[in-house]
């Protein structure tokens, strides 16, 4: 503060200290071209390493919840090579809309107790079809008439490529 007051009295311009940041590298008056910046390197996406025959930890929990709530006609479909959405689809029926909601609530409750988090629950208000989306397992709980109408079993239960090859061999043999 005193140095500024002395500078004002003497009429001299204050001397500015130069630092490494304030020194210009180019000649004065020359246009400085901005250096092209390299885009940040993309981080490689870590693939999930899981054995193809491994069962997701949520599947036995779902099956226990469905058995506990007396779900009818439970069907587990392995859709690992067919769908990227889930590895397994579980389709079950309930006797009424209240029964459907109870089954879905019990599945969510038991999965949370097992330490996993459901990604979403859809259709609880409508009551004809409740979908519980879990990591690697998708649970469909439907009324029998809705299940018969949409026929998800026929849509997702496709034969495996190895099974198809064996079937073709049998047809080709006389």
Foldseek 3Di string as FASTA:
>chain_A
DVVVVVCVVVVHDDDDDDDPVRDDPDDPPDDDDDDDDDPDDDDDDDDDDDDPVDDDPLVVLLVVLCVVLVWADWDKAQQCVPDPQARIEIETEDAWLVSLLSSLVSSQVSCVVVPFHWPDWDDNVVRAWIWTHGHRYIYIYGHPVVCVVVVVCVVRRDDDPVVVVVVVVVVPDD
